[in-house]
Amino acid sequence: MPAITLTPAQRKVHRAEAHHLDPVVHIGNDGLTPAVQKEADAALKAHGLIKVRVLSDDRALRESMLEQLADALDAAPIQHIGKLLVLWRPLPEKERAPDEDRKPGPKDVKVLKFGKRPGQKPEIKVVRVLGNQRLTPGGQVKRAKVRQKSVKKSGQ
């Protein structure tokens, strides 16, 4: 039995989210190998919701693979339609670096300047934009404007 159990409503939501996904992991003729489990685990860490395609024609074998994968990866089995299996596991919390609360520093931005003649390659220029600057649509760097304070409010 998998560690995660979902209500039918939650399962329905995850089925709807998985509808447009493509299979990320493929299980071949060798069956459920440790390498396949490792790839499925990496995909679940990255995406949370994955589709797995099984090449086997045996339905009972596919059912058992779904259960084995769910048990081994601590994931919830969402759906099994044909040769596609859908698994879900909540995404792990991302560890934050201690300096992540800082404001953004300088960024290097590529600016493309197109010529007037068609077919000419655009000119690529790398510009450094600081935290108090912005990039205009023309590709120029402008300093952010200082907000003016109201004369009336400062007098009170």
C-alpha atoms as a PDB file:
ATOM      1  CA  MET A   1       0.000   0.000   0.000  1.00  0.00           C
ATOM      2  CA  PRO A   2       1.489   3.403  -0.962  1.00  0.00           C
ATOM      3  CA  ALA A   3       2.278   5.911   1.769  1.00  0.00           C
ATOM      4  CA  ILE A   4       0.162   8.626   0.113  1.00  0.00           C
ATOM      5  CA  THR A   5      -3.578   8.096  -0.143  1.00  0.00           C
ATOM      6  CA  LEU A   6      -5.733  10.598  -1.990  1.00  0.00           C
ATOM      7  CA  THR A   7      -9.423  11.340  -1.985  1.00  0.00           C
ATOM      8  CA  PRO A   8     -11.333  10.815  -5.226  1.00  0.00           C
ATOM      9  CA  ALA A   9     -11.581  14.594  -5.673  1.00  0.00           C
ATOM     10  CA  GLN A  10      -7.818  15.036  -5.360  1.00  0.00           C
ATOM     11  CA  ARG A  11      -7.238  12.133  -7.737  1.00  0.00           C
ATOM     12  CA  LYS A  12      -9.606  13.784 -10.236  1.00  0.00           C
ATOM     13  CA  VAL A  13      -7.657  17.062 -10.080  1.00  0.00           C
ATOM     14  CA  HIS A  14      -4.348  15.278 -10.669  1.00  0.00           C
ATOM     15  CA  ARG A  15      -5.819  13.294 -13.574  1.00  0.00           C
ATOM     16  CA  ALA A  16      -6.878  16.567 -15.190  1.00  0.00           C
ATOM     17  CA  GLU A  17      -3.391  18.053 -14.683  1.00  0.00           C
ATOM     18  CA  ALA A  18      -1.749  14.950 -16.167  1.00  0.00           C
ATOM     19  CA  HIS A  19      -3.946  14.944 -19.272  1.00  0.00           C
ATOM     20  CA  HIS A  20      -1.594  17.127 -21.334  1.00  0.00           C
ATOM     21  CA  LEU A  21       1.655  15.586 -20.075  1.00  0.00           C
ATOM     22  CA  ASP A  22       3.874  13.389 -22.195  1.00  0.00           C
ATOM     23  CA  PRO A  23       5.433  10.216 -20.740  1.00  0.00           C
ATOM     24  CA  VAL A  24       8.717  11.047 -19.021  1.00  0.00           C
ATOM     25  CA  VAL A  25       9.809   7.512 -18.085  1.00  0.00           C
ATOM     26  CA  HIS A  26       9.605   4.461 -20.363  1.00  0.00           C
ATOM     27  CA  ILE A  27       9.700   0.912 -19.024  1.00  0.00           C
ATOM     28  CA  GLY A  28      11.064  -1.456 -21.662  1.00  0.00           C
ATOM     29  CA  ASN A  29      11.216  -5.209 -22.047  1.00  0.00           C
ATOM     30  CA  ASP A  30      13.553  -5.589 -19.049  1.00  0.00           C
ATOM     31  CA  GLY A  31      10.740  -4.500 -16.749  1.00  0.00           C
ATOM     32  CA  LEU A  32      11.065  -2.458 -13.590  1.00  0.00           C
ATOM     33  CA  THR A  33      14.820  -2.135 -13.036  1.00  0.00           C
ATOM     34  CA  PRO A  34      16.620  -0.006 -10.411  1.00  0.00           C
ATOM     35  CA  ALA A  35      17.650   2.399 -13.189  1.00  0.00           C
ATOM     36  CA  VAL A  36      13.993   2.935 -14.130  1.00  0.00           C
ATOM     37  CA  GLN A  37      13.096   3.546 -10.483  1.00  0.00           C
ATOM     38  CA  LYS A  38      15.940   6.053 -10.179  1.00  0.00           C
ATOM     39  CA  GLU A  39      14.762   7.966 -13.268  1.00  0.00           C
ATOM     40  CA  ALA A  40      11.167   7.960 -12.048  1.00  0.00           C
ATOM     41  CA  ASP A  41      12.324   9.280  -8.662  1.00  0.00           C
ATOM     42  CA  ALA A  42      14.307  12.077 -10.324  1.00  0.00           C
ATOM     43  CA  ALA A  43      11.314  12.983 -12.501  1.00  0.00           C
ATOM     44  CA  LEU A  44       9.002  13.058  -9.466  1.00  0.00           C
ATOM     45  CA  LYS A  45      11.444  15.335  -7.616  1.00  0.00           C
ATOM     46  CA  ALA A  46      11.516  17.695 -10.588  1.00  0.00           C
ATOM     47  CA  HIS A  47       7.859  17.647 -11.664  1.00  0.00           C
ATOM     48  CA  GLY A  48       5.735  16.049  -8.955  1.00  0.00           C
ATOM     49  CA  LEU A  49       3.320  14.521 -11.478  1.00  0.00           C
ATOM     50  CA  ILE A  50       4.603  12.169 -14.178  1.00  0.00           C
ATOM     51  CA  LYS A  51       3.418   9.747 -16.815  1.00  0.00           C
ATOM     52  CA  VAL A  52       5.176   6.411 -17.278  1.00  0.00           C
ATOM     53  CA  ARG A  53       4.840   4.334 -20.460  1.00  0.00           C
ATOM     54  CA  VAL A  54       5.113   0.546 -20.218  1.00  0.00           C
ATOM     55  CA  LEU A  55       5.876  -1.490 -23.343  1.00  0.00           C
ATOM     56  CA  SER A  56       4.511  -4.756 -21.927  1.00  0.00           C
ATOM     57  CA  ASP A  57       1.185  -6.102 -23.221  1.00  0.00           C
ATOM     58  CA  ASP A  58       0.261  -7.893 -19.975  1.00  0.00           C
ATOM     59  CA  ARG A  59      -2.308  -5.822 -18.055  1.00  0.00           C
ATOM     60  CA  ALA A  60      -1.754  -7.594 -14.731  1.00  0.00           C
ATOM     61  CA  LEU A  61       1.990  -6.971 -15.022  1.00  0.00           C
ATOM     62  CA  ARG A  62       1.369  -3.266 -15.665  1.00  0.00           C
ATOM     63  CA  GLU A  63      -0.908  -3.078 -12.606  1.00  0.00           C
ATOM     64  CA  SER A  64       1.772  -4.686 -10.446  1.00  0.00           C
ATOM     65  CA  MET A  65       4.410  -2.288 -11.869  1.00  0.00           C
ATOM     66  CA  LEU A  66       2.231   0.677 -10.948  1.00  0.00           C
ATOM     67  CA  GLU A  67       1.883  -0.597  -7.381  1.00  0.00           C
ATOM     68  CA  GLN A  68       5.601  -1.427  -7.091  1.00  0.00           C
ATOM     69  CA  LEU A  69       6.618   2.018  -8.368  1.00  0.00           C
ATOM     70  CA  ALA A  70       4.183   3.745  -6.034  1.00  0.00           C
ATOM     71  CA  ASP A  71       5.461   1.766  -3.037  1.00  0.00           C
ATOM     72  CA  ALA A  72       9.138   2.177  -3.889  1.00  0.00           C
ATOM     73  CA  LEU A  73       8.911   5.926  -4.536  1.00  0.00           C
ATOM     74  CA  ASP A  74       6.345   6.811  -1.827  1.00  0.00           C
ATOM     75  CA  ALA A  75       4.047   8.179  -4.527  1.00  0.00           C
ATOM     76  CA  ALA A  76       0.321   7.977  -5.083  1.00  0.00           C
ATOM     77  CA  PRO A  77      -0.941   6.029  -8.097  1.00  0.00           C
ATOM     78  CA  ILE A  78      -3.330   8.326  -9.949  1.00  0.00           C
ATOM     79  CA  GLN A  79      -4.361   6.504 -13.093  1.00  0.00           C
ATOM     80  CA  HIS A  80      -3.693   3.465 -15.276  1.00  0.00           C
ATOM     81  CA  ILE A  81      -5.044   3.690 -18.808  1.00  0.00           C
ATOM     82  CA  GLY A  82      -3.705   1.274 -21.373  1.00  0.00           C
ATOM     83  CA  LYS A  83       0.065   1.373 -21.271  1.00  0.00           C
ATOM     84  CA  LEU A  84       0.255   4.705 -19.422  1.00  0.00           C
ATOM     85  CA  LEU A  85       0.690   4.999 -15.675  1.00  0.00           C
ATOM     86  CA  VAL A  86       0.335   8.299 -13.796  1.00  0.00           C
ATOM     87  CA  LEU A  87       2.117   8.894 -10.470  1.00  0.00           C
ATOM     88  CA  TRP A  88       2.014  11.885  -8.117  1.00  0.00           C
ATOM     89  CA  ARG A  89       4.164  12.916  -5.189  1.00  0.00           C
ATOM     90  CA  PRO A  90       4.264  16.374  -3.566  1.00  0.00           C
ATOM     91  CA  LEU A  91       7.268  18.450  -4.537  1.00  0.00           C
ATOM     92  CA  PRO A  92       9.928  18.710  -1.804  1.00  0.00           C
ATOM     93  CA  GLU A  93      10.580  22.048  -0.117  1.00  0.00           C
ATOM     94  CA  LYS A  94      13.416  23.906  -1.776  1.00  0.00           C
ATOM     95  CA  GLU A  95      16.280  24.786   0.515  1.00  0.00           C
ATOM     96  CA  ARG A  96      16.953  28.504   0.504  1.00  0.00           C
ATOM     97  CA  ALA A  97      20.405  29.960   0.564  1.00  0.00           C
ATOM     98  CA  PRO A  98      21.074  32.396   3.438  1.00  0.00           C
ATOM     99  CA  ASP A  99      21.584  35.332   1.049  1.00  0.00           C
ATOM    100  CA  GLU A 100      18.406  34.716  -0.922  1.00  0.00           C
ATOM    101  CA  ASP A 101      16.582  37.544   0.893  1.00  0.00           C
ATOM    102  CA  ARG A 102      18.900  40.093  -0.665  1.00  0.00           C
ATOM    103  CA  LYS A 103      17.720  42.342  -3.442  1.00  0.00           C
ATOM    104  CA  PRO A 104      18.757  41.457  -6.990  1.00  0.00           C
ATOM    105  CA  GLY A 105      22.234  42.509  -8.027  1.00  0.00           C
ATOM    106  CA  PRO A 106      23.606  43.395 -11.420  1.00  0.00           C
ATOM    107  CA  LYS A 107      22.379  41.372 -14.394  1.00  0.00           C
ATOM    108  CA  ASP A 108      23.978  40.922 -17.776  1.00  0.00           C
ATOM    109  CA  VAL A 109      21.323  41.333 -20.482  1.00  0.00           C
ATOM    110  CA  LYS A 110      21.706  40.688 -24.214  1.00  0.00           C
ATOM    111  CA  VAL A 111      20.347  43.496 -26.386  1.00  0.00           C
ATOM    112  CA  LEU A 112      19.617  42.856 -30.066  1.00  0.00           C
ATOM    113  CA  LYS A 113      19.748  45.819 -32.426  1.00  0.00           C
ATOM    114  CA  PHE A 114      18.269  45.070 -35.816  1.00  0.00           C
ATOM    115  CA  GLY A 115      19.544  46.810 -38.944  1.00  0.00           C
ATOM    116  CA  LYS A 116      17.363  48.664 -41.412  1.00  0.00           C
ATOM    117  CA  ARG A 117      18.062  46.248 -44.247  1.00  0.00           C
ATOM    118  CA  PRO A 118      16.253  42.891 -44.209  1.00  0.00           C
ATOM    119  CA  GLY A 119      18.401  39.795 -44.049  1.00  0.00           C
ATOM    120  CA  GLN A 120      21.135  41.553 -42.098  1.00  0.00           C
ATOM    121  CA  LYS A 121      22.232  39.896 -38.850  1.00  0.00           C
ATOM    122  CA  PRO A 122      21.242  41.770 -35.700  1.00  0.00           C
ATOM    123  CA  GLU A 123      23.960  43.368 -33.613  1.00  0.00           C
ATOM    124  CA  ILE A 124      24.270  41.650 -30.219  1.00  0.00           C
ATOM    125  CA  LYS A 125      25.407  43.778 -27.303  1.00  0.00           C
ATOM    126  CA  VAL A 126      25.716  42.614 -23.667  1.00  0.00           C
ATOM    127  CA  VAL A 127      24.691  45.313 -21.180  1.00  0.00           C
ATOM    128  CA  ARG A 128      25.047  45.205 -17.395  1.00  0.00           C
ATOM    129  CA  VAL A 129      21.911  46.455 -15.608  1.00  0.00           C
ATOM    130  CA  LEU A 130      22.215  47.379 -11.937  1.00  0.00           C
ATOM    131  CA  GLY A 131      19.468  47.130  -9.336  1.00  0.00           C
ATOM    132  CA  ASN A 132      18.429  50.789  -9.675  1.00  0.00           C
ATOM    133  CA  GLN A 133      18.390  50.738 -13.482  1.00  0.00           C
ATOM    134  CA  ARG A 134      16.011  49.552 -16.158  1.00  0.00           C
ATOM    135  CA  LEU A 135      16.297  48.663 -19.818  1.00  0.00           C
ATOM    136  CA  THR A 136      14.193  50.662 -22.298  1.00  0.00           C
ATOM    137  CA  PRO A 137      12.580  49.074 -25.380  1.00  0.00           C
ATOM    138  CA  GLY A 138      15.272  50.800 -27.474  1.00  0.00           C
ATOM    139  CA  GLY A 139      18.018  48.963 -25.590  1.00  0.00           C
ATOM    140  CA  GLN A 140      19.247  51.902 -23.506  1.00  0.00           C
ATOM    141  CA  VAL A 141      19.946  51.686 -19.780  1.00  0.00           C
ATOM    142  CA  LYS A 142      18.095  54.289 -17.726  1.00  0.00           C
ATOM    143  CA  ARG A 143      18.381  54.979 -14.037  1.00  0.00           C
ATOM    144  CA  ALA A 144      15.213  54.530 -12.043  1.00  0.00           C
ATOM    145  CA  LYS A 145      13.541  57.820 -11.215  1.00  0.00           C
ATOM    146  CA  VAL A 146      13.538  59.047  -7.634  1.00  0.00           C
ATOM    147  CA  ARG A 147      10.017  59.536  -6.404  1.00  0.00           C
ATOM    148  CA  GLN A 148       9.268  63.142  -5.669  1.00  0.00           C
ATOM    149  CA  LYS A 149       7.686  63.866  -2.343  1.00  0.00           C
ATOM    150  CA  SER A 150       4.720  66.147  -2.098  1.00  0.00           C
ATOM    151  CA  VAL A 151       5.516  69.688  -0.966  1.00  0.00           C
ATOM    152  CA  LYS A 152       2.242  69.830   0.945  1.00  0.00           C
ATOM    153  CA  LYS A 153       2.877  66.604   2.845  1.00  0.00           C
ATOM    154  CA  SER A 154       6.460  67.502   3.750  1.00  0.00           C
ATOM    155  CA  GLY A 155       5.333  70.879   5.156  1.00  0.00           C
ATOM    156  CA  GLN A 156       2.944  69.358   7.673  1.00  0.00           C
END
